[in-house]
Amino acid sequence: MKSNDMVDTLGINRKGPKTMPKSAKLPWEEANPDIIKQFQLRLPLPIKLQAEKIVANSLRSEYSSLQDFFIKAILVQIEKEKEKLYK
């Protein structure tokens, strides 16, 4: 028997301690940037043009791309929804 093998009370050989299973990731934690791009493509044209204008005129360079703008806008909406739920 190897040194890292253990024998439990029933005499069954087991390899070392078991590791805890990894918790499942939430869908938005593994979201691909292509998802955001597809979301953008489905926007009505006036809204998309307005968003592009905001990004182009951003004085603070807060939004480096249209995708960054949408990500931040989506996060703000999520926070607003959370606040509604906790009231």
PDB file of N, CA and C in Angstrom:
ATOM      1  N   MET A   1       0.845  -1.175   0.000  1.00  0.00           N
ATOM      2  CA  MET A   1       0.000   0.000   0.000  1.00  0.00           C
ATOM      3  C   MET A   1       0.891   1.239   0.000  1.00  0.00           C
ATOM      4  N   LYS A   2       0.543   2.230  -0.834  1.00  0.00           N
ATOM      5  CA  LYS A   2       1.316   3.460  -0.909  1.00  0.00           C
ATOM      6  C   LYS A   2       1.065   4.310   0.332  1.00  0.00           C
ATOM      7  N   SER A   3       1.969   5.244   0.567  1.00  0.00           N
ATOM      8  CA  SER A   3       1.861   6.061   1.773  1.00  0.00           C
ATOM      9  C   SER A   3       0.655   7.000   1.740  1.00  0.00           C
ATOM     10  N   ASN A   4       0.204   7.419   0.542  1.00  0.00           N
ATOM     11  CA  ASN A   4      -0.934   8.336   0.497  1.00  0.00           C
ATOM     12  C   ASN A   4      -2.274   7.606   0.438  1.00  0.00           C
ATOM     13  N   ASP A   5      -2.261   6.284   0.376  1.00  0.00           N
ATOM     14  CA  ASP A   5      -3.500   5.506   0.413  1.00  0.00           C
ATOM     15  C   ASP A   5      -3.981   5.422   1.851  1.00  0.00           C
ATOM     16  N   MET A   6      -5.286   5.361   2.018  1.00  0.00           N
ATOM     17  CA  MET A   6      -5.861   5.220   3.348  1.00  0.00           C
ATOM     18  C   MET A   6      -6.812   4.030   3.344  1.00  0.00           C
ATOM     19  N   VAL A   7      -6.974   3.437   4.483  1.00  0.00           N
ATOM     20  CA  VAL A   7      -7.918   2.342   4.637  1.00  0.00           C
ATOM     21  C   VAL A   7      -8.985   2.820   5.601  1.00  0.00           C
ATOM     22  N   ASP A   8     -10.261   2.833   5.147  1.00  0.00           N
ATOM     23  CA  ASP A   8     -11.314   3.298   6.045  1.00  0.00           C
ATOM     24  C   ASP A   8     -11.735   2.167   6.972  1.00  0.00           C
ATOM     25  N   THR A   9     -12.732   2.398   7.788  1.00  0.00           N
ATOM     26  CA  THR A   9     -13.138   1.419   8.798  1.00  0.00           C
ATOM     27  C   THR A   9     -13.659   0.128   8.199  1.00  0.00           C
ATOM     28  N   LEU A  10     -14.079   0.132   6.949  1.00  0.00           N
ATOM     29  CA  LEU A  10     -14.561  -1.083   6.303  1.00  0.00           C
ATOM     30  C   LEU A  10     -13.435  -1.832   5.598  1.00  0.00           C
ATOM     31  N   GLY A  11     -12.220  -1.296   5.650  1.00  0.00           N
ATOM     32  CA  GLY A  11     -11.093  -1.953   5.018  1.00  0.00           C
ATOM     33  C   GLY A  11     -10.983  -1.668   3.532  1.00  0.00           C
ATOM     34  N   ILE A  12     -11.664  -0.617   3.054  1.00  0.00           N
ATOM     35  CA  ILE A  12     -11.621  -0.268   1.639  1.00  0.00           C
ATOM     36  C   ILE A  12     -10.489   0.723   1.415  1.00  0.00           C
ATOM     37  N   ASN A  13      -9.654   0.420   0.431  1.00  0.00           N
ATOM     38  CA  ASN A  13      -8.559   1.339   0.105  1.00  0.00           C
ATOM     39  C   ASN A  13      -9.108   2.559  -0.629  1.00  0.00           C
ATOM     40  N   ARG A  14      -8.658   3.716  -0.205  1.00  0.00           N
ATOM     41  CA  ARG A  14      -9.059   4.962  -0.863  1.00  0.00           C
ATOM     42  C   ARG A  14      -7.829   5.819  -1.069  1.00  0.00           C
ATOM     43  N   LYS A  15      -7.814   6.528  -2.143  1.00  0.00           N
ATOM     44  CA  LYS A  15      -6.705   7.434  -2.441  1.00  0.00           C
ATOM     45  C   LYS A  15      -6.923   8.754  -1.710  1.00  0.00           C
ATOM     46  N   GLY A  16      -5.996   9.197  -0.941  1.00  0.00           N
ATOM     47  CA  GLY A  16      -5.957  10.509  -0.298  1.00  0.00           C
ATOM     48  C   GLY A  16      -7.308  11.148   0.013  1.00  0.00           C
ATOM     49  N   PRO A  17      -7.299  12.339   0.565  1.00  0.00           N
ATOM     50  CA  PRO A  17      -8.555  13.021   0.908  1.00  0.00           C
ATOM     51  C   PRO A  17      -9.300  13.478  -0.342  1.00  0.00           C
ATOM     52  N   LYS A  18     -10.612  13.431  -0.254  1.00  0.00           N
ATOM     53  CA  LYS A  18     -11.429  13.883  -1.380  1.00  0.00           C
ATOM     54  C   LYS A  18     -11.435  15.407  -1.411  1.00  0.00           C
ATOM     55  N   THR A  19     -11.483  15.945  -2.598  1.00  0.00           N
ATOM     56  CA  THR A  19     -11.558  17.395  -2.731  1.00  0.00           C
ATOM     57  C   THR A  19     -13.011  17.812  -2.817  1.00  0.00           C
ATOM     58  N   MET A  20     -13.282  19.025  -2.382  1.00  0.00           N
ATOM     59  CA  MET A  20     -14.642  19.551  -2.446  1.00  0.00           C
ATOM     60  C   MET A  20     -14.978  19.857  -3.905  1.00  0.00           C
ATOM     61  N   PRO A  21     -16.206  19.566  -4.306  1.00  0.00           N
ATOM     62  CA  PRO A  21     -16.580  19.891  -5.685  1.00  0.00           C
ATOM     63  C   PRO A  21     -16.601  21.406  -5.878  1.00  0.00           C
ATOM     64  N   LYS A  22     -16.219  21.844  -7.064  1.00  0.00           N
ATOM     65  CA  LYS A  22     -16.230  23.272  -7.367  1.00  0.00           C
ATOM     66  C   LYS A  22     -17.666  23.739  -7.534  1.00  0.00           C
ATOM     67  N   SER A  23     -17.929  24.947  -7.053  1.00  0.00           N
ATOM     68  CA  SER A  23     -19.276  25.482  -7.216  1.00  0.00           C
ATOM     69  C   SER A  23     -19.484  25.861  -8.680  1.00  0.00           C
ATOM     70  N   ALA A  24     -20.693  25.685  -9.109  1.00  0.00           N
ATOM     71  CA  ALA A  24     -21.019  26.008 -10.499  1.00  0.00           C
ATOM     72  C   ALA A  24     -20.949  27.511 -10.700  1.00  0.00           C
ATOM     73  N   LYS A  25     -20.440  27.927 -11.836  1.00  0.00           N
ATOM     74  CA  LYS A  25     -20.364  29.355 -12.138  1.00  0.00           C
ATOM     75  C   LYS A  25     -21.714  29.825 -12.659  1.00  0.00           C
ATOM     76  N   LEU A  26     -22.022  31.056 -12.329  1.00  0.00           N
ATOM     77  CA  LEU A  26     -23.254  31.652 -12.822  1.00  0.00           C
ATOM     78  C   LEU A  26     -23.087  31.991 -14.297  1.00  0.00           C
ATOM     79  N   PRO A  27     -24.174  31.969 -15.057  1.00  0.00           N
ATOM     80  CA  PRO A  27     -24.066  32.175 -16.507  1.00  0.00           C
ATOM     81  C   PRO A  27     -23.357  33.467 -16.896  1.00  0.00           C
ATOM     82  N   TRP A  28     -23.610  34.550 -16.150  1.00  0.00           N
ATOM     83  CA  TRP A  28     -23.004  35.828 -16.539  1.00  0.00           C
ATOM     84  C   TRP A  28     -21.537  35.912 -16.148  1.00  0.00           C
ATOM     85  N   GLU A  29     -21.052  35.002 -15.309  1.00  0.00           N
ATOM     86  CA  GLU A  29     -19.635  34.996 -14.968  1.00  0.00           C
ATOM     87  C   GLU A  29     -18.787  34.457 -16.121  1.00  0.00           C
ATOM     88  N   GLU A  30     -19.395  33.653 -16.957  1.00  0.00           N
ATOM     89  CA  GLU A  30     -18.677  33.082 -18.091  1.00  0.00           C
ATOM     90  C   GLU A  30     -19.166  33.661 -19.415  1.00  0.00           C
ATOM     91  N   ALA A  31     -19.872  34.789 -19.337  1.00  0.00           N
ATOM     92  CA  ALA A  31     -20.455  35.366 -20.551  1.00  0.00           C
ATOM     93  C   ALA A  31     -19.372  35.757 -21.541  1.00  0.00           C
ATOM     94  N   ASN A  32     -19.580  35.383 -22.737  1.00  0.00           N
ATOM     95  CA  ASN A  32     -18.664  35.683 -23.831  1.00  0.00           C
ATOM     96  C   ASN A  32     -18.975  37.087 -24.360  1.00  0.00           C
ATOM     97  N   PRO A  33     -17.971  37.885 -24.698  1.00  0.00           N
ATOM     98  CA  PRO A  33     -18.247  39.215 -25.258  1.00  0.00           C
ATOM     99  C   PRO A  33     -19.134  39.171 -26.500  1.00  0.00           C
ATOM    100  N   ASP A  34     -19.161  38.048 -27.186  1.00  0.00           N
ATOM    101  CA  ASP A  34     -20.031  37.925 -28.363  1.00  0.00           C
ATOM    102  C   ASP A  34     -21.504  38.026 -27.983  1.00  0.00           C
ATOM    103  N   ILE A  35     -21.837  37.648 -26.743  1.00  0.00           N
ATOM    104  CA  ILE A  35     -23.227  37.752 -26.292  1.00  0.00           C
ATOM    105  C   ILE A  35     -23.650  39.214 -26.288  1.00  0.00           C
ATOM    106  N   ILE A  36     -22.774  40.073 -25.765  1.00  0.00           N
ATOM    107  CA  ILE A  36     -23.069  41.503 -25.737  1.00  0.00           C
ATOM    108  C   ILE A  36     -23.195  42.043 -27.162  1.00  0.00           C
ATOM    109  N   LYS A  37     -22.315  41.589 -28.038  1.00  0.00           N
ATOM    110  CA  LYS A  37     -22.354  42.054 -29.431  1.00  0.00           C
ATOM    111  C   LYS A  37     -23.683  41.660 -30.078  1.00  0.00           C
ATOM    112  N   GLN A  38     -24.151  40.446 -29.831  1.00  0.00           N
ATOM    113  CA  GLN A  38     -25.428  40.015 -30.393  1.00  0.00           C
ATOM    114  C   GLN A  38     -26.570  40.855 -29.827  1.00  0.00           C
ATOM    115  N   PHE A  39     -26.466  41.184 -28.536  1.00  0.00           N
ATOM    116  CA  PHE A  39     -27.477  42.034 -27.905  1.00  0.00           C
ATOM    117  C   PHE A  39     -27.510  43.401 -28.592  1.00  0.00           C
ATOM    118  N   GLN A  40     -26.337  43.951 -28.873  1.00  0.00           N
ATOM    119  CA  GLN A  40     -26.249  45.252 -29.532  1.00  0.00           C
ATOM    120  C   GLN A  40     -26.885  45.214 -30.917  1.00  0.00           C
ATOM    121  N   LEU A  41     -26.655  44.143 -31.635  1.00  0.00           N
ATOM    122  CA  LEU A  41     -27.154  44.050 -33.005  1.00  0.00           C
ATOM    123  C   LEU A  41     -28.676  44.012 -33.068  1.00  0.00           C
ATOM    124  N   ARG A  42     -29.314  43.618 -31.988  1.00  0.00           N
ATOM    125  CA  ARG A  42     -30.773  43.524 -31.978  1.00  0.00           C
ATOM    126  C   ARG A  42     -31.441  44.823 -31.539  1.00  0.00           C
ATOM    127  N   LEU A  43     -30.655  45.824 -31.173  1.00  0.00           N
ATOM    128  CA  LEU A  43     -31.237  47.094 -30.751  1.00  0.00           C
ATOM    129  C   LEU A  43     -31.838  47.824 -31.943  1.00  0.00           C
ATOM    130  N   PRO A  44     -32.922  48.551 -31.698  1.00  0.00           N
ATOM    131  CA  PRO A  44     -33.442  49.401 -32.777  1.00  0.00           C
ATOM    132  C   PRO A  44     -32.372  50.418 -33.173  1.00  0.00           C
ATOM    133  N   LEU A  45     -32.318  50.749 -34.427  1.00  0.00           N
ATOM    134  CA  LEU A  45     -31.259  51.622 -34.942  1.00  0.00           C
ATOM    135  C   LEU A  45     -31.147  52.960 -34.198  1.00  0.00           C
ATOM    136  N   PRO A  46     -32.247  53.679 -33.910  1.00  0.00           N
ATOM    137  CA  PRO A  46     -32.081  54.960 -33.206  1.00  0.00           C
ATOM    138  C   PRO A  46     -31.392  54.816 -31.843  1.00  0.00           C
ATOM    139  N   ILE A  47     -31.693  53.753 -31.129  1.00  0.00           N
ATOM    140  CA  ILE A  47     -31.071  53.544 -29.818  1.00  0.00           C
ATOM    141  C   ILE A  47     -29.591  53.242 -29.988  1.00  0.00           C
ATOM    142  N   LYS A  48     -29.261  52.427 -30.967  1.00  0.00           N
ATOM    143  CA  LYS A  48     -27.850  52.103 -31.202  1.00  0.00           C
ATOM    144  C   LYS A  48     -27.076  53.351 -31.621  1.00  0.00           C
ATOM    145  N   LEU A  49     -27.665  54.185 -32.474  1.00  0.00           N
ATOM    146  CA  LEU A  49     -27.006  55.422 -32.901  1.00  0.00           C
ATOM    147  C   LEU A  49     -26.820  56.378 -31.728  1.00  0.00           C
ATOM    148  N   GLN A  50     -27.820  56.439 -30.863  1.00  0.00           N
ATOM    149  CA  GLN A  50     -27.712  57.298 -29.682  1.00  0.00           C
ATOM    150  C   GLN A  50     -26.571  56.820 -28.784  1.00  0.00           C
ATOM    151  N   ALA A  51     -26.464  55.517 -28.599  1.00  0.00           N
ATOM    152  CA  ALA A  51     -25.387  54.959 -27.778  1.00  0.00           C
ATOM    153  C   ALA A  51     -24.027  55.237 -28.406  1.00  0.00           C
ATOM    154  N   GLU A  52     -23.929  55.103 -29.725  1.00  0.00           N
ATOM    155  CA  GLU A  52     -22.665  55.394 -30.412  1.00  0.00           C
ATOM    156  C   GLU A  52     -22.280  56.864 -30.247  1.00  0.00           C
ATOM    157  N   LYS A  53     -23.278  57.752 -30.270  1.00  0.00           N
ATOM    158  CA  LYS A  53     -23.015  59.183 -30.085  1.00  0.00           C
ATOM    159  C   LYS A  53     -22.503  59.454 -28.671  1.00  0.00           C
ATOM    160  N   ILE A  54     -23.094  58.808 -27.680  1.00  0.00           N
ATOM    161  CA  ILE A  54     -22.649  58.977 -26.293  1.00  0.00           C
ATOM    162  C   ILE A  54     -21.199  58.546 -26.152  1.00  0.00           C
ATOM    163  N   VAL A  55     -20.875  57.408 -26.735  1.00  0.00           N
ATOM    164  CA  VAL A  55     -19.498  56.896 -26.654  1.00  0.00           C
ATOM    165  C   VAL A  55     -18.536  57.841 -27.369  1.00  0.00           C
ATOM    166  N   ALA A  56     -18.911  58.313 -28.543  1.00  0.00           N
ATOM    167  CA  ALA A  56     -18.032  59.191 -29.322  1.00  0.00           C
ATOM    168  C   ALA A  56     -17.808  60.533 -28.629  1.00  0.00           C
ATOM    169  N   ASN A  57     -18.818  61.026 -27.925  1.00  0.00           N
ATOM    170  CA  ASN A  57     -18.728  62.338 -27.280  1.00  0.00           C
ATOM    171  C   ASN A  57     -18.308  62.265 -25.816  1.00  0.00           C
ATOM    172  N   SER A  58     -17.950  61.094 -25.355  1.00  0.00           N
ATOM    173  CA  SER A  58     -17.577  60.948 -23.946  1.00  0.00           C
ATOM    174  C   SER A  58     -16.296  61.732 -23.671  1.00  0.00           C
ATOM    175  N   LEU A  59     -16.418  62.758 -22.859  1.00  0.00           N
ATOM    176  CA  LEU A  59     -15.272  63.614 -22.552  1.00  0.00           C
ATOM    177  C   LEU A  59     -14.306  62.937 -21.586  1.00  0.00           C
ATOM    178  N   ARG A  60     -14.823  62.071 -20.764  1.00  0.00           N
ATOM    179  CA  ARG A  60     -13.992  61.433 -19.740  1.00  0.00           C
ATOM    180  C   ARG A  60     -13.334  60.158 -20.249  1.00  0.00           C
ATOM    181  N   SER A  61     -13.568  59.817 -21.474  1.00  0.00           N
ATOM    182  CA  SER A  61     -13.053  58.565 -22.054  1.00  0.00           C
ATOM    183  C   SER A  61     -13.412  57.370 -21.180  1.00  0.00           C
ATOM    184  N   GLU A  62     -14.572  57.467 -20.573  1.00  0.00           N
ATOM    185  CA  GLU A  62     -15.034  56.394 -19.691  1.00  0.00           C
ATOM    186  C   GLU A  62     -15.389  55.141 -20.488  1.00  0.00           C
ATOM    187  N   TYR A  63     -15.860  55.352 -21.684  1.00  0.00           N
ATOM    188  CA  TYR A  63     -16.263  54.236 -22.524  1.00  0.00           C
ATOM    189  C   TYR A  63     -15.271  54.125 -23.674  1.00  0.00           C
ATOM    190  N   SER A  64     -14.500  53.080 -23.674  1.00  0.00           N
ATOM    191  CA  SER A  64     -13.524  52.922 -24.750  1.00  0.00           C
ATOM    192  C   SER A  64     -14.158  52.328 -26.003  1.00  0.00           C
ATOM    193  N   SER A  65     -15.329  51.740 -25.826  1.00  0.00           N
ATOM    194  CA  SER A  65     -16.013  51.163 -26.983  1.00  0.00           C
ATOM    195  C   SER A  65     -17.504  51.100 -26.701  1.00  0.00           C
ATOM    196  N   LEU A  66     -18.251  50.836 -27.728  1.00  0.00           N
ATOM    197  CA  LEU A  66     -19.699  50.694 -27.570  1.00  0.00           C
ATOM    198  C   LEU A  66     -20.016  49.531 -26.638  1.00  0.00           C
ATOM    199  N   GLN A  67     -19.211  48.494 -26.719  1.00  0.00           N
ATOM    200  CA  GLN A  67     -19.422  47.329 -25.861  1.00  0.00           C
ATOM    201  C   GLN A  67     -19.254  47.702 -24.389  1.00  0.00           C
ATOM    202  N   ASP A  68     -18.230  48.504 -24.057  1.00  0.00           N
ATOM    203  CA  ASP A  68     -18.040  48.952 -22.677  1.00  0.00           C
ATOM    204  C   ASP A  68     -19.244  49.751 -22.196  1.00  0.00           C
ATOM    205  N   PHE A  69     -19.754  50.608 -23.067  1.00  0.00           N
ATOM    206  CA  PHE A  69     -20.927  51.405 -22.716  1.00  0.00           C
ATOM    207  C   PHE A  69     -22.104  50.500 -22.364  1.00  0.00           C
ATOM    208  N   PHE A  70     -22.359  49.506 -23.207  1.00  0.00           N
ATOM    209  CA  PHE A  70     -23.490  48.624 -22.955  1.00  0.00           C
ATOM    210  C   PHE A  70     -23.292  47.789 -21.698  1.00  0.00           C
ATOM    211  N   ILE A  71     -22.083  47.345 -21.459  1.00  0.00           N
ATOM    212  CA  ILE A  71     -21.823  46.561 -20.249  1.00  0.00           C
ATOM    213  C   ILE A  71     -22.129  47.397 -19.016  1.00  0.00           C
ATOM    214  N   LYS A  72     -21.652  48.647 -19.002  1.00  0.00           N
ATOM    215  CA  LYS A  72     -21.907  49.518 -17.853  1.00  0.00           C
ATOM    216  C   LYS A  72     -23.390  49.841 -17.731  1.00  0.00           C
ATOM    217  N   ALA A  73     -24.055  50.061 -18.844  1.00  0.00           N
ATOM    218  CA  ALA A  73     -25.487  50.351 -18.813  1.00  0.00           C
ATOM    219  C   ALA A  73     -26.271  49.156 -18.279  1.00  0.00           C
ATOM    220  N   ILE A  74     -25.888  47.969 -18.686  1.00  0.00           N
ATOM    221  CA  ILE A  74     -26.561  46.761 -18.204  1.00  0.00           C
ATOM    222  C   ILE A  74     -26.335  46.591 -16.710  1.00  0.00           C
ATOM    223  N   LEU A  75     -25.118  46.838 -16.244  1.00  0.00           N
ATOM    224  CA  LEU A  75     -24.822  46.717 -14.814  1.00  0.00           C
ATOM    225  C   LEU A  75     -25.631  47.714 -13.993  1.00  0.00           C
ATOM    226  N   VAL A  76     -25.812  48.927 -14.502  1.00  0.00           N
ATOM    227  CA  VAL A  76     -26.627  49.923 -13.805  1.00  0.00           C
ATOM    228  C   VAL A  76     -28.069  49.436 -13.709  1.00  0.00           C
ATOM    229  N   GLN A  77     -28.598  48.877 -14.784  1.00  0.00           N
ATOM    230  CA  GLN A  77     -29.965  48.366 -14.759  1.00  0.00           C
ATOM    231  C   GLN A  77     -30.112  47.217 -13.768  1.00  0.00           C
ATOM    232  N   ILE A  78     -29.103  46.371 -13.684  1.00  0.00           N
ATOM    233  CA  ILE A  78     -29.135  45.258 -12.725  1.00  0.00           C
ATOM    234  C   ILE A  78     -29.194  45.801 -11.307  1.00  0.00           C
ATOM    235  N   GLU A  79     -28.380  46.822 -11.017  1.00  0.00           N
ATOM    236  CA  GLU A  79     -28.382  47.423  -9.680  1.00  0.00           C
ATOM    237  C   GLU A  79     -29.741  48.046  -9.365  1.00  0.00           C
ATOM    238  N   LYS A  80     -30.361  48.708 -10.341  1.00  0.00           N
ATOM    239  CA  LYS A  80     -31.687  49.295 -10.130  1.00  0.00           C
ATOM    240  C   LYS A  80     -32.712  48.213  -9.814  1.00  0.00           C
ATOM    241  N   GLU A  81     -32.641  47.097 -10.533  1.00  0.00           N
ATOM    242  CA  GLU A  81     -33.572  45.995 -10.282  1.00  0.00           C
ATOM    243  C   GLU A  81     -33.354  45.398  -8.893  1.00  0.00           C
ATOM    244  N   LYS A  82     -32.095  45.292  -8.474  1.00  0.00           N
ATOM    245  CA  LYS A  82     -31.801  44.783  -7.131  1.00  0.00           C
ATOM    246  C   LYS A  82     -32.406  45.687  -6.069  1.00  0.00           C
ATOM    247  N   GLU A  83     -32.257  47.010  -6.258  1.00  0.00           N
ATOM    248  CA  GLU A  83     -32.815  47.963  -5.301  1.00  0.00           C
ATOM    249  C   GLU A  83     -34.325  47.817  -5.207  1.00  0.00           C
ATOM    250  N   LYS A  84     -34.987  47.619  -6.344  1.00  0.00           N
ATOM    251  CA  LYS A  84     -36.437  47.426  -6.339  1.00  0.00           C
ATOM    252  C   LYS A  84     -36.813  46.176  -5.551  1.00  0.00           C
ATOM    253  N   LEU A  85     -36.032  45.118  -5.707  1.00  0.00           N
ATOM    254  CA  LEU A  85     -36.338  43.860  -5.029  1.00  0.00           C
ATOM    255  C   LEU A  85     -36.173  43.962  -3.521  1.00  0.00           C
ATOM    256  N   TYR A  86     -35.203  44.744  -3.077  1.00  0.00           N
ATOM    257  CA  TYR A  86     -34.913  44.822  -1.650  1.00  0.00           C
ATOM    258  C   TYR A  86     -35.711  45.896  -0.928  1.00  0.00           C
ATOM    259  N   LYS A  87     -36.555  46.647  -1.640  1.00  0.00           N
ATOM    260  CA  LYS A  87     -37.389  47.671  -0.990  1.00  0.00           C
ATOM    261  C   LYS A  87     -38.611  47.047  -0.396  1.00  0.00           C
TER     262      LYS A  87
END
